[in-house]
Full PDB file with SEQRES, HELIX, SHEET, SSBOND, CRYST1, ORIGX, SCALE, CONECT and MASTER records, all heavy atoms in Angstrom:
SEQRES   1 A   36  THR TRP PRO ALA VAL THR ASP CYS ASP ARG LEU ASP ALA          
SEQRES   2 A   36  VAL PHE ASP GLY LEU MET ALA VAL GLY ILE TYR ALA ALA          
SEQRES   3 A   36  GLN ASN PRO GLY PHE THR LEU GLN GLU GLY                      
HELIX    1 AA1 ASP A    7  ALA A   20  1                                  14    
CRYST1    1.000    1.000    1.000  90.00  90.00  90.00 P 1           1          
ORIGX1      1.000000  0.000000  0.000000        0.00000                         
ORIGX2      0.000000  1.000000  0.000000        0.00000                         
ORIGX3      0.000000  0.000000  1.000000        0.00000                         
SCALE1      1.000000  0.000000  0.000000        0.00000                         
SCALE2      0.000000  1.000000  0.000000        0.00000                         
SCALE3      0.000000  0.000000  1.000000        0.00000                         
ATOM      1  N   THR A   1       0.818  -1.254   0.021  1.00  0.00           N  
ATOM      2  CA  THR A   1       0.003  -0.037   0.002  1.00  0.00           C  
ATOM      3  C   THR A   1       0.879   1.254   0.059  1.00  0.00           C  
ATOM      4  O   THR A   1       0.329   2.373  -0.128  1.00  0.00           O  
ATOM      5  CB  THR A   1      -0.922   0.080   1.242  1.00  0.00           C  
ATOM      6  OG1 THR A   1      -0.179   0.259   2.394  1.00  0.00           O  
ATOM      7  CG2 THR A   1      -1.676  -1.317   1.361  1.00  0.00           C  
ATOM      8  N   TRP A   2       2.178   1.116   0.044  1.00  0.00           N  
ATOM      9  CA  TRP A   2       3.092   2.274   0.182  1.00  0.00           C  
ATOM     10  C   TRP A   2       3.240   2.934  -1.138  1.00  0.00           C  
ATOM     11  O   TRP A   2       3.147   2.334  -2.193  1.00  0.00           O  
ATOM     12  CB  TRP A   2       4.430   1.879   0.773  1.00  0.00           C  
ATOM     13  CG  TRP A   2       4.457   1.416   2.189  1.00  0.00           C  
ATOM     14  CD1 TRP A   2       3.291   1.384   2.970  1.00  0.00           C  
ATOM     15  CD2 TRP A   2       5.541   0.909   2.925  1.00  0.00           C  
ATOM     16  NE1 TRP A   2       3.694   0.971   4.293  1.00  0.00           N  
ATOM     17  CE2 TRP A   2       5.050   0.640   4.210  1.00  0.00           C  
ATOM     18  CE3 TRP A   2       6.822   0.633   2.665  1.00  0.00           C  
ATOM     19  CZ2 TRP A   2       5.845   0.151   5.244  1.00  0.00           C  
ATOM     20  CZ3 TRP A   2       7.572   0.165   3.589  1.00  0.00           C  
ATOM     21  CH2 TRP A   2       7.164  -0.107   4.893  1.00  0.00           C  
ATOM     22  N   PRO A   3       3.554   4.252  -1.086  1.00  0.00           N  
ATOM     23  CA  PRO A   3       3.903   4.968  -2.441  1.00  0.00           C  
ATOM     24  C   PRO A   3       5.274   4.379  -2.941  1.00  0.00           C  
ATOM     25  O   PRO A   3       6.026   3.749  -2.182  1.00  0.00           O  
ATOM     26  CB  PRO A   3       4.061   6.368  -1.937  1.00  0.00           C  
ATOM     27  CG  PRO A   3       4.428   6.372  -0.504  1.00  0.00           C  
ATOM     28  CD  PRO A   3       3.667   5.171   0.005  1.00  0.00           C  
ATOM     29  N   ALA A   4       5.443   4.591  -4.286  1.00  0.00           N  
ATOM     30  CA  ALA A   4       6.610   4.069  -4.955  1.00  0.00           C  
ATOM     31  C   ALA A   4       7.949   4.625  -4.293  1.00  0.00           C  
ATOM     32  O   ALA A   4       8.886   3.952  -4.084  1.00  0.00           O  
ATOM     33  CB  ALA A   4       6.499   4.431  -6.419  1.00  0.00           C  
ATOM     34  N   VAL A   5       7.901   5.866  -3.912  1.00  0.00           N  
ATOM     35  CA  VAL A   5       9.059   6.556  -3.175  1.00  0.00           C  
ATOM     36  C   VAL A   5       8.534   7.045  -1.790  1.00  0.00           C  
ATOM     37  O   VAL A   5       7.698   7.697  -1.719  1.00  0.00           O  
ATOM     38  CB  VAL A   5       9.465   7.726  -4.031  1.00  0.00           C  
ATOM     39  CG1 VAL A   5      10.642   8.437  -3.242  1.00  0.00           C  
ATOM     40  CG2 VAL A   5      10.050   7.339  -5.434  1.00  0.00           C  
ATOM     41  N   THR A   6       9.273   6.360  -0.859  1.00  0.00           N  
ATOM     42  CA  THR A   6       8.993   6.711   0.510  1.00  0.00           C  
ATOM     43  C   THR A   6       9.979   7.693   1.148  1.00  0.00           C  
ATOM     44  O   THR A   6      11.007   8.038   0.495  1.00  0.00           O  
ATOM     45  CB  THR A   6       8.907   5.456   1.444  1.00  0.00           C  
ATOM     46  OG1 THR A   6      10.355   4.912   1.489  1.00  0.00           O  
ATOM     47  CG2 THR A   6       8.079   4.416   0.801  1.00  0.00           C  
ATOM     48  N   ASP A   7       9.756   8.178   2.416  1.00  0.00           N  
ATOM     49  CA  ASP A   7      10.675   9.025   3.008  1.00  0.00           C  
ATOM     50  C   ASP A   7      12.047   8.322   3.217  1.00  0.00           C  
ATOM     51  O   ASP A   7      13.033   8.972   3.114  1.00  0.00           O  
ATOM     52  CB  ASP A   7      10.167   9.478   4.491  1.00  0.00           C  
ATOM     53  CG  ASP A   7       9.170  10.594   4.353  1.00  0.00           C  
ATOM     54  OD1 ASP A   7       8.859  11.071   3.214  1.00  0.00           O  
ATOM     55  OD2 ASP A   7       8.647  10.958   5.420  1.00  0.00           O  
ATOM     56  N   CYS A   8      12.025   7.027   3.435  1.00  0.00           N  
ATOM     57  CA  CYS A   8      13.244   6.318   3.569  1.00  0.00           C  
ATOM     58  C   CYS A   8      14.100   6.232   2.288  1.00  0.00           C  
ATOM     59  O   CYS A   8      15.306   6.323   2.384  1.00  0.00           O  
ATOM     60  CB  CYS A   8      13.064   4.906   4.125  1.00  0.00           C  
ATOM     61  SG  CYS A   8      12.434   4.871   5.828  1.00  0.00           S  
ATOM     62  N   ASP A   9      13.388   6.139   1.132  1.00  0.00           N  
ATOM     63  CA  ASP A   9      14.055   6.245  -0.140  1.00  0.00           C  
ATOM     64  C   ASP A   9      14.720   7.707  -0.314  1.00  0.00           C  
ATOM     65  O   ASP A   9      15.847   7.826  -0.773  1.00  0.00           O  
ATOM     66  CB  ASP A   9      13.046   5.992  -1.318  1.00  0.00           C  
ATOM     67  CG  ASP A   9      12.451   4.632  -1.312  1.00  0.00           C  
ATOM     68  OD1 ASP A   9      13.275   3.669  -0.925  1.00  0.00           O  
ATOM     69  OD2 ASP A   9      11.285   4.415  -1.456  1.00  0.00           O  
ATOM     70  N   ARG A  10      13.989   8.665   0.117  1.00  0.00           N  
ATOM     71  CA  ARG A  10      14.551  10.092  -0.024  1.00  0.00           C  
ATOM     72  C   ARG A  10      15.711  10.246   0.916  1.00  0.00           C  
ATOM     73  O   ARG A  10      16.654  10.920   0.642  1.00  0.00           O  
ATOM     74  CB  ARG A  10      13.445  11.103   0.226  1.00  0.00           C  
ATOM     75  CG  ARG A  10      12.342  11.086  -0.869  1.00  0.00           C  
ATOM     76  CD  ARG A  10      11.486  12.251  -0.670  1.00  0.00           C  
ATOM     77  NE  ARG A  10      10.623  12.208   0.486  1.00  0.00           N  
ATOM     78  CZ  ARG A  10      10.473  13.169   1.210  1.00  0.00           C  
ATOM     79  NH1 ARG A  10      11.169  14.350   1.074  1.00  0.00           N  
ATOM     80  NH2 ARG A  10       9.692  13.091   2.372  1.00  0.00           N  
ATOM     81  N   LEU A  11      15.607   9.638   2.154  1.00  0.00           N  
ATOM     82  CA  LEU A  11      16.666   9.735   3.033  1.00  0.00           C  
ATOM     83  C   LEU A  11      17.969   8.982   2.455  1.00  0.00           C  
ATOM     84  O   LEU A  11      19.097   9.488   2.583  1.00  0.00           O  
ATOM     85  CB  LEU A  11      16.300   9.088   4.372  1.00  0.00           C  
ATOM     86  CG  LEU A  11      17.377   9.204   5.515  1.00  0.00           C  
ATOM     87  CD1 LEU A  11      17.528  10.657   5.986  1.00  0.00           C  
ATOM     88  CD2 LEU A  11      16.986   8.343   6.673  1.00  0.00           C  
ATOM     89  N   ASP A  12      17.818   7.848   1.878  1.00  0.00           N  
ATOM     90  CA  ASP A  12      18.892   7.233   1.162  1.00  0.00           C  
ATOM     91  C   ASP A  12      19.579   8.124   0.205  1.00  0.00           C  
ATOM     92  O   ASP A  12      20.760   8.147   0.059  1.00  0.00           O  
ATOM     93  CB  ASP A  12      18.344   5.884   0.494  1.00  0.00           C  
ATOM     94  CG  ASP A  12      17.970   4.804   1.509  1.00  0.00           C  
ATOM     95  OD1 ASP A  12      18.283   4.947   2.628  1.00  0.00           O  
ATOM     96  OD2 ASP A  12      17.372   3.866   1.015  1.00  0.00           O  
ATOM     97  N   ALA A  13      18.756   8.794  -0.560  1.00  0.00           N  
ATOM     98  CA  ALA A  13      19.362   9.671  -1.663  1.00  0.00           C  
ATOM     99  C   ALA A  13      20.112  10.829  -1.021  1.00  0.00           C  
ATOM    100  O   ALA A  13      21.172  11.248  -1.544  1.00  0.00           O  
ATOM    101  CB  ALA A  13      18.138  10.190  -2.512  1.00  0.00           C  
ATOM    102  N   VAL A  14      19.579  11.388   0.082  1.00  0.00           N  
ATOM    103  CA  VAL A  14      20.298  12.459   0.824  1.00  0.00           C  
ATOM    104  C   VAL A  14      21.610  11.924   1.303  1.00  0.00           C  
ATOM    105  O   VAL A  14      22.632  12.576   1.125  1.00  0.00           O  
ATOM    106  CB  VAL A  14      19.492  12.987   1.970  1.00  0.00           C  
ATOM    107  CG1 VAL A  14      20.286  13.897   2.869  1.00  0.00           C  
ATOM    108  CG2 VAL A  14      18.205  13.756   1.485  1.00  0.00           C  
ATOM    109  N   PHE A  15      21.634  10.695   1.898  1.00  0.00           N  
ATOM    110  CA  PHE A  15      22.817  10.165   2.494  1.00  0.00           C  
ATOM    111  C   PHE A  15      23.856   9.869   1.304  1.00  0.00           C  
ATOM    112  O   PHE A  15      25.085  10.184   1.541  1.00  0.00           O  
ATOM    113  CB  PHE A  15      22.638   8.949   3.195  1.00  0.00           C  
ATOM    114  CG  PHE A  15      22.323   9.142   4.694  1.00  0.00           C  
ATOM    115  CD1 PHE A  15      21.444  10.340   5.078  1.00  0.00           C  
ATOM    116  CD2 PHE A  15      22.631   8.320   5.729  1.00  0.00           C  
ATOM    117  CE1 PHE A  15      21.200  10.488   6.375  1.00  0.00           C  
ATOM    118  CE2 PHE A  15      22.383   8.509   7.040  1.00  0.00           C  
ATOM    119  CZ  PHE A  15      21.636   9.625   7.355  1.00  0.00           C  
ATOM    120  N   ASP A  16      23.438   9.398   0.192  1.00  0.00           N  
ATOM    121  CA  ASP A  16      24.327   9.173  -0.955  1.00  0.00           C  
ATOM    122  C   ASP A  16      24.909  10.529  -1.432  1.00  0.00           C  
ATOM    123  O   ASP A  16      26.155  10.580  -1.718  1.00  0.00           O  
ATOM    124  CB  ASP A  16      23.497   8.625  -2.100  1.00  0.00           C  
ATOM    125  CG  ASP A  16      23.178   7.081  -1.959  1.00  0.00           C  
ATOM    126  OD1 ASP A  16      23.777   6.508  -0.957  1.00  0.00           O  
ATOM    127  OD2 ASP A  16      22.279   6.600  -2.676  1.00  0.00           O  
ATOM    128  N   GLY A  17      24.141  11.564  -1.438  1.00  0.00           N  
ATOM    129  CA  GLY A  17      24.590  12.827  -1.766  1.00  0.00           C  
ATOM    130  C   GLY A  17      25.668  13.422  -0.800  1.00  0.00           C  
ATOM    131  O   GLY A  17      26.663  14.023  -1.155  1.00  0.00           O  
ATOM    132  N   LEU A  18      25.389  13.215   0.498  1.00  0.00           N  
ATOM    133  CA  LEU A  18      26.418  13.647   1.413  1.00  0.00           C  
ATOM    134  C   LEU A  18      27.765  12.890   1.250  1.00  0.00           C  
ATOM    135  O   LEU A  18      28.736  13.546   1.384  1.00  0.00           O  
ATOM    136  CB  LEU A  18      25.853  13.348   2.924  1.00  0.00           C  
ATOM    137  CG  LEU A  18      24.595  14.228   3.278  1.00  0.00           C  
ATOM    138  CD1 LEU A  18      24.060  13.825   4.590  1.00  0.00           C  
ATOM    139  CD2 LEU A  18      24.942  15.725   3.294  1.00  0.00           C  
ATOM    140  N   MET A  19      27.663  11.598   1.048  1.00  0.00           N  
ATOM    141  CA  MET A  19      28.861  10.877   0.841  1.00  0.00           C  
ATOM    142  C   MET A  19      29.714  11.453  -0.299  1.00  0.00           C  
ATOM    143  O   MET A  19      30.966  11.529  -0.262  1.00  0.00           O  
ATOM    144  CB  MET A  19      28.548   9.419   0.507  1.00  0.00           C  
ATOM    145  CG  MET A  19      28.002   8.610   1.640  1.00  0.00           C  
ATOM    146  SD  MET A  19      29.124   8.065   2.959  1.00  0.00           S  
ATOM    147  CE  MET A  19      30.004   6.699   2.143  1.00  0.00           C  
ATOM    148  N   ALA A  20      29.003  11.940  -1.347  1.00  0.00           N  
ATOM    149  CA  ALA A  20      29.658  12.476  -2.573  1.00  0.00           C  
ATOM    150  C   ALA A  20      30.358  13.795  -2.289  1.00  0.00           C  
ATOM    151  O   ALA A  20      31.253  14.205  -3.095  1.00  0.00           O  
ATOM    152  CB  ALA A  20      28.542  12.605  -3.679  1.00  0.00           C  
ATOM    153  N   VAL A  21      29.996  14.479  -1.136  1.00  0.00           N  
ATOM    154  CA  VAL A  21      30.574  15.777  -0.829  1.00  0.00           C  
ATOM    155  C   VAL A  21      31.511  15.642   0.356  1.00  0.00           C  
ATOM    156  O   VAL A  21      31.759  16.713   0.935  1.00  0.00           O  
ATOM    157  CB  VAL A  21      29.529  16.898  -0.742  1.00  0.00           C  
ATOM    158  CG1 VAL A  21      28.809  17.128  -1.982  1.00  0.00           C  
ATOM    159  CG2 VAL A  21      28.594  16.633   0.407  1.00  0.00           C  
ATOM    160  N   GLY A  22      31.856  14.450   0.758  1.00  0.00           N  
ATOM    161  CA  GLY A  22      32.823  14.252   1.807  1.00  0.00           C  
ATOM    162  C   GLY A  22      32.267  14.181   3.203  1.00  0.00           C  
ATOM    163  O   GLY A  22      33.025  14.341   4.182  1.00  0.00           O  
ATOM    164  N   ILE A  23      31.024  13.942   3.336  1.00  0.00           N  
ATOM    165  CA  ILE A  23      30.373  13.667   4.628  1.00  0.00           C  
ATOM    166  C   ILE A  23      30.033  12.253   4.721  1.00  0.00           C  
ATOM    167  O   ILE A  23      29.131  11.902   3.931  1.00  0.00           O  
ATOM    168  CB  ILE A  23      29.248  14.668   4.849  1.00  0.00           C  
ATOM    169  CG1 ILE A  23      29.610  16.071   4.844  1.00  0.00           C  
ATOM    170  CG2 ILE A  23      28.505  14.302   6.156  1.00  0.00           C  
ATOM    171  CD1 ILE A  23      28.540  17.103   4.850  1.00  0.00           C  
ATOM    172  N   TYR A  24      30.621  11.559   5.591  1.00  0.00           N  
ATOM    173  CA  TYR A  24      30.386  10.078   5.679  1.00  0.00           C  
ATOM    174  C   TYR A  24      29.032   9.860   6.363  1.00  0.00           C  
ATOM    175  O   TYR A  24      28.931  10.187   7.574  1.00  0.00           O  
ATOM    176  CB  TYR A  24      31.505   9.330   6.447  1.00  0.00           C  
ATOM    177  CG  TYR A  24      31.392   7.843   6.403  1.00  0.00           C  
ATOM    178  CD1 TYR A  24      32.021   7.121   5.367  1.00  0.00           C  
ATOM    179  CD2 TYR A  24      30.673   7.147   7.203  1.00  0.00           C  
ATOM    180  CE1 TYR A  24      31.925   5.769   5.247  1.00  0.00           C  
ATOM    181  CE2 TYR A  24      30.473   5.750   7.152  1.00  0.00           C  
ATOM    182  CZ  TYR A  24      31.209   5.090   6.146  1.00  0.00           C  
ATOM    183  OH  TYR A  24      31.061   3.718   6.058  1.00  0.00           O  
ATOM    184  N   ALA A  25      28.030   9.407   5.595  1.00  0.00           N  
ATOM    185  CA  ALA A  25      26.743   9.207   6.101  1.00  0.00           C  
ATOM    186  C   ALA A  25      26.312   7.743   6.340  1.00  0.00           C  
ATOM    187  O   ALA A  25      26.370   7.007   5.339  1.00  0.00           O  
ATOM    188  CB  ALA A  25      25.689   9.824   5.161  1.00  0.00           C  
ATOM    189  N   ALA A  26      26.109   7.307   7.516  1.00  0.00           N  
ATOM    190  CA  ALA A  26      25.952   5.941   7.875  1.00  0.00           C  
ATOM    191  C   ALA A  26      24.540   5.742   8.541  1.00  0.00           C  
ATOM    192  O   ALA A  26      24.066   6.540   9.305  1.00  0.00           O  
ATOM    193  CB  ALA A  26      26.970   5.507   8.877  1.00  0.00           C  
ATOM    194  N   GLN A  27      23.916   4.655   8.252  1.00  0.00           N  
ATOM    195  CA  GLN A  27      22.603   4.373   8.808  1.00  0.00           C  
ATOM    196  C   GLN A  27      22.741   3.219   9.800  1.00  0.00           C  
ATOM    197  O   GLN A  27      23.197   2.153   9.445  1.00  0.00           O  
ATOM    198  CB  GLN A  27      21.629   3.957   7.597  1.00  0.00           C  
ATOM    199  CG  GLN A  27      21.508   5.027   6.569  1.00  0.00           C  
ATOM    200  CD  GLN A  27      20.206   4.940   5.813  1.00  0.00           C  
ATOM    201  OE1 GLN A  27      19.139   4.893   6.377  1.00  0.00           O  
ATOM    202  NE2 GLN A  27      20.289   5.165   4.474  1.00  0.00           N  
ATOM    203  N   ASN A  28      22.443   3.508  11.082  1.00  0.00           N  
ATOM    204  CA  ASN A  28      22.408   2.611  12.148  1.00  0.00           C  
ATOM    205  C   ASN A  28      23.814   1.861  12.322  1.00  0.00           C  
ATOM    206  O   ASN A  28      23.932   0.678  12.378  1.00  0.00           O  
ATOM    207  CB  ASN A  28      21.367   1.517  11.878  1.00  0.00           C  
ATOM    208  CG  ASN A  28      21.120   0.614  13.127  1.00  0.00           C  
ATOM    209  OD1 ASN A  28      21.209   1.134  14.272  1.00  0.00           O  
ATOM    210  ND2 ASN A  28      20.775  -0.599  12.976  1.00  0.00           N  
ATOM    211  N   PRO A  29      24.913   2.671  12.425  1.00  0.00           N  
ATOM    212  CA  PRO A  29      26.201   2.058  12.637  1.00  0.00           C  
ATOM    213  C   PRO A  29      26.511   1.581  14.036  1.00  0.00           C  
ATOM    214  O   PRO A  29      27.576   1.055  14.319  1.00  0.00           O  
ATOM    215  CB  PRO A  29      27.176   3.311  12.271  1.00  0.00           C  
ATOM    216  CG  PRO A  29      26.384   4.493  12.704  1.00  0.00           C  
ATOM    217  CD  PRO A  29      24.934   4.125  12.360  1.00  0.00           C  
ATOM    218  N   GLY A  30      25.564   1.880  14.967  1.00  0.00           N  
ATOM    219  CA  GLY A  30      25.778   1.302  16.325  1.00  0.00           C  
ATOM    220  C   GLY A  30      24.512   1.640  17.103  1.00  0.00           C  
ATOM    221  O   GLY A  30      23.512   2.329  16.644  1.00  0.00           O  
ATOM    222  N   PHE A  31      24.432   1.116  18.364  1.00  0.00           N  
ATOM    223  CA  PHE A  31      23.182   1.267  19.202  1.00  0.00           C  
ATOM    224  C   PHE A  31      23.049   2.590  19.879  1.00  0.00           C  
ATOM    225  O   PHE A  31      22.057   3.073  20.203  1.00  0.00           O  
ATOM    226  CB  PHE A  31      23.059   0.100  20.173  1.00  0.00           C  
ATOM    227  CG  PHE A  31      21.758   0.081  20.821  1.00  0.00           C  
ATOM    228  CD1 PHE A  31      20.512  -0.182  20.117  1.00  0.00           C  
ATOM    229  CD2 PHE A  31      21.688   0.356  22.164  1.00  0.00           C  
ATOM    230  CE1 PHE A  31      19.307  -0.269  20.707  1.00  0.00           C  
ATOM    231  CE2 PHE A  31      20.362   0.294  22.840  1.00  0.00           C  
ATOM    232  CZ  PHE A  31      19.286   0.062  22.142  1.00  0.00           C  
ATOM    233  N   THR A  32      24.302   3.209  20.141  1.00  0.00           N  
ATOM    234  CA  THR A  32      24.385   4.420  20.879  1.00  0.00           C  
ATOM    235  C   THR A  32      25.075   5.498  20.114  1.00  0.00           C  
ATOM    236  O   THR A  32      25.764   5.165  19.073  1.00  0.00           O  
ATOM    237  CB  THR A  32      24.961   4.262  22.232  1.00  0.00           C  
ATOM    238  OG1 THR A  32      26.356   4.024  21.991  1.00  0.00           O  
ATOM    239  CG2 THR A  32      24.309   3.152  23.131  1.00  0.00           C  
ATOM    240  N   LEU A  33      25.016   6.779  20.554  1.00  0.00           N  
ATOM    241  CA  LEU A  33      25.691   7.776  19.887  1.00  0.00           C  
ATOM    242  C   LEU A  33      27.289   7.531  19.870  1.00  0.00           C  
ATOM    243  O   LEU A  33      27.921   7.689  18.889  1.00  0.00           O  
ATOM    244  CB  LEU A  33      25.400   9.185  20.618  1.00  0.00           C  
ATOM    245  CG  LEU A  33      25.773  10.449  19.858  1.00  0.00           C  
ATOM    246  CD1 LEU A  33      24.946  10.512  18.551  1.00  0.00           C  
ATOM    247  CD2 LEU A  33      25.496  11.657  20.740  1.00  0.00           C  
ATOM    248  N   GLN A  34      27.741   7.137  21.029  1.00  0.00           N  
ATOM    249  CA  GLN A  34      29.206   6.900  21.191  1.00  0.00           C  
ATOM    250  C   GLN A  34      29.627   5.711  20.252  1.00  0.00           C  
ATOM    251  O   GLN A  34      30.665   5.784  19.547  1.00  0.00           O  
ATOM    252  CB  GLN A  34      29.502   6.576  22.598  1.00  0.00           C  
ATOM    253  CG  GLN A  34      31.118   6.450  22.879  1.00  0.00           C  
ATOM    254  CD  GLN A  34      31.333   6.360  24.268  1.00  0.00           C  
ATOM    255  OE1 GLN A  34      30.774   5.532  24.985  1.00  0.00           O  
ATOM    256  NE2 GLN A  34      32.288   7.122  24.806  1.00  0.00           N  
ATOM    257  N   GLU A  35      28.786   4.674  20.336  1.00  0.00           N  
ATOM    258  CA  GLU A  35      29.192   3.472  19.433  1.00  0.00           C  
ATOM    259  C   GLU A  35      29.085   3.820  18.018  1.00  0.00           C  
ATOM    260  O   GLU A  35      29.968   3.385  17.183  1.00  0.00           O  
ATOM    261  CB  GLU A  35      28.260   2.252  19.752  1.00  0.00           C  
ATOM    262  CG  GLU A  35      28.553   1.030  19.003  1.00  0.00           C  
ATOM    263  CD  GLU A  35      27.579  -0.091  19.356  1.00  0.00           C  
ATOM    264  OE1 GLU A  35      26.497   0.192  19.950  1.00  0.00           O  
ATOM    265  OE2 GLU A  35      27.920  -1.288  19.138  1.00  0.00           O  
ATOM    266  N   GLY A  36      27.989   4.629  17.738  1.00  0.00           N  
ATOM    267  CA  GLY A  36      27.925   5.001  16.201  1.00  0.00           C  
ATOM    268  C   GLY A  36      29.168   5.842  15.776  1.00  0.00           C  
ATOM    269  O   GLY A  36      29.689   5.642  14.712  1.00  0.00           O  
TER     270      GLY A  36                                                      
MASTER        0    0    0    1    0    0    0    6  269    1    0    3          
END                                                                             
């Protein structure tokens, strides 16, 4: 029932764009802020 493009798809695109400009963008790299 979901739309073809969701907010998570748009977030993925943002993160890909950040990686391209030198900002390492990671999704769920750890359970806490420090671990991440």
